[in-house]
Protein backbone atom coordinates (compact mmCIF):
# COMPACT_ATOMS: atom_id res chain seq x y z
CA MET A 1 6.16 12.88 -24.85
CA THR A 2 4.82 9.59 -26.10
CA ALA A 3 1.98 7.75 -24.51
CA ILE A 4 2.64 4.40 -22.88
CA LYS A 5 0.56 1.69 -24.47
CA TRP A 6 -1.38 -0.48 -22.04
CA SER A 7 -0.88 -4.21 -22.24
CA ARG A 8 -2.31 -7.11 -20.24
CA TRP A 9 -0.10 -8.57 -17.49
CA SER A 10 1.46 -11.90 -18.51
CA GLY A 11 1.78 -14.90 -16.21
CA TRP A 12 5.54 -14.36 -16.11
CA GLU A 13 5.06 -10.72 -15.00
CA ILE A 14 2.65 -11.73 -12.22
CA ASN A 15 5.03 -14.42 -10.99
CA LYS A 16 7.94 -11.96 -11.10
CA LEU A 17 5.86 -9.35 -9.26
CA ILE A 18 5.07 -11.87 -6.49
CA GLU A 19 8.71 -12.89 -6.27
CA MET A 20 9.97 -9.30 -6.04
CA ARG A 21 7.33 -8.27 -3.43
CA GLU A 22 8.26 -11.22 -1.28
CA ALA A 23 11.93 -10.27 -1.63
CA GLY A 24 11.06 -6.79 -0.28
CA LEU A 25 11.59 -4.67 -3.42
CA SER A 26 9.78 -1.37 -3.50
CA VAL A 27 7.02 -0.59 -5.97
CA PRO A 28 9.22 1.82 -8.02
CA GLU A 29 11.95 -0.83 -8.22
CA ILE A 30 9.45 -3.45 -9.41
CA ALA A 31 8.00 -1.02 -11.97
CA GLU A 32 11.44 -0.35 -13.39
CA VAL A 33 12.33 -4.05 -13.69
CA LEU A 34 9.02 -4.96 -15.32
CA GLY A 35 8.83 -1.86 -17.53
CA ARG A 36 5.51 -0.88 -15.96
CA THR A 37 4.28 2.31 -14.35
CA ILE A 38 4.22 2.66 -10.58
CA TYR A 39 0.45 3.05 -10.82
CA GLY A 40 0.21 -0.19 -12.81
CA VAL A 41 2.29 -2.13 -10.30
CA ASN A 42 0.27 -0.78 -7.35
CA ARG A 43 -2.96 -1.71 -9.09
CA ALA A 44 -1.66 -5.21 -9.88
CA ILE A 45 -0.66 -5.71 -6.26
CA ARG A 46 -4.06 -4.64 -4.97
CA THR A 47 -6.22 -6.48 -7.52
CA ARG A 48 -4.39 -9.58 -8.61
CA LEU A 49 -2.44 -10.48 -5.48
CA GLU A 50 -5.21 -9.79 -2.99
CA LEU A 51 -7.66 -11.79 -5.08
CA GLU A 52 -5.26 -14.70 -4.89
CA ASP A 53 -4.97 -14.30 -1.09
CA ILE A 54 -1.26 -13.57 -1.25
CA GLN A 55 -0.13 -11.77 1.89
CA LEU A 56 1.26 -8.28 1.31
CA LYS A 57 3.94 -6.90 3.61
CA THR A 58 1.51 -4.36 5.06
CA PRO A 59 -2.06 -5.49 5.63
CA ARG A 60 -5.06 -3.27 4.99
CA TRP A 61 -6.31 -1.14 7.84
CA SER A 62 -8.59 -3.16 10.12
CA ASP A 63 -11.49 -1.58 11.99
CA GLU A 64 -9.59 -2.17 15.22
CA HIS A 65 -6.42 -0.40 14.00
CA THR A 66 -8.51 2.44 12.61
CA ALA A 67 -10.21 2.87 15.99
CA GLN A 68 -6.83 2.86 17.75
CA LEU A 69 -5.52 5.44 15.28
CA ILE A 70 -8.54 7.71 15.85
CA SER A 71 -8.17 7.39 19.63
CA MET A 72 -4.45 8.21 19.60
CA TYR A 73 -4.99 11.06 17.13
CA ARG A 74 -7.61 12.61 19.41
CA GLU A 75 -5.16 12.26 22.33
CA LYS A 76 -2.80 14.47 20.26
CA ARG A 77 -0.14 11.78 19.84
CA CYS A 78 2.41 12.38 17.08
CA HIS A 79 2.35 10.36 13.85
CA LYS A 80 5.64 8.67 14.71
CA LEU A 81 4.32 7.30 18.02
CA ILE A 82 1.03 6.18 16.41
CA ALA A 83 2.98 4.47 13.63
CA GLN A 84 5.21 2.60 16.05
CA SER A 85 2.31 1.32 18.11
CA LEU A 86 0.43 0.15 14.99
CA ASN A 87 3.49 -1.22 13.20
CA ARG A 88 3.03 1.22 10.30
CA THR A 89 5.07 4.00 8.76
CA SER A 90 4.48 7.64 9.67
CA ILE A 91 3.51 8.24 6.02
CA ALA A 92 0.86 5.48 6.21
CA VAL A 93 -0.53 7.02 9.40
CA GLY A 94 -0.63 10.49 7.82
CA ASN A 95 -2.39 9.16 4.72
CA ARG A 96 -4.96 7.29 6.83
CA ILE A 97 -5.64 10.40 8.92
CA ARG A 98 -6.23 12.46 5.77
CA TYR A 99 -8.58 9.79 4.45
CA LEU A 100 -10.51 9.66 7.72
CA LYS A 101 -10.83 13.46 7.70
CA ILE A 102 -12.31 13.32 4.20
CA LEU A 103 -14.83 10.74 5.48
CA GLY A 104 -15.61 13.01 8.45
CA LYS A 105 -14.54 10.39 11.02
CA ILE A 106 -11.95 12.71 12.54
């Protein structure tokens, strides 16, 4: 197995990343097109695009949504129902619940 050499993102790559995100391509699809790792694409989305105030398809968790999630979780609602009411995926809800458990908030 050979190591992948890191290289700085070019302006063309950033523009292509923005274009593909707005078109609705998934992170693995973008990584394949750009010849980047999934981790690298995720990191570029979080650092570069958010710094430039470009809207992502799914916004970060607000304090209000987190409070609603905690409330519904304590009411023993299923992930699917929580996800629908917060306009999130079940996976996103599950990940957030795990994170909140680590923080001791649930």
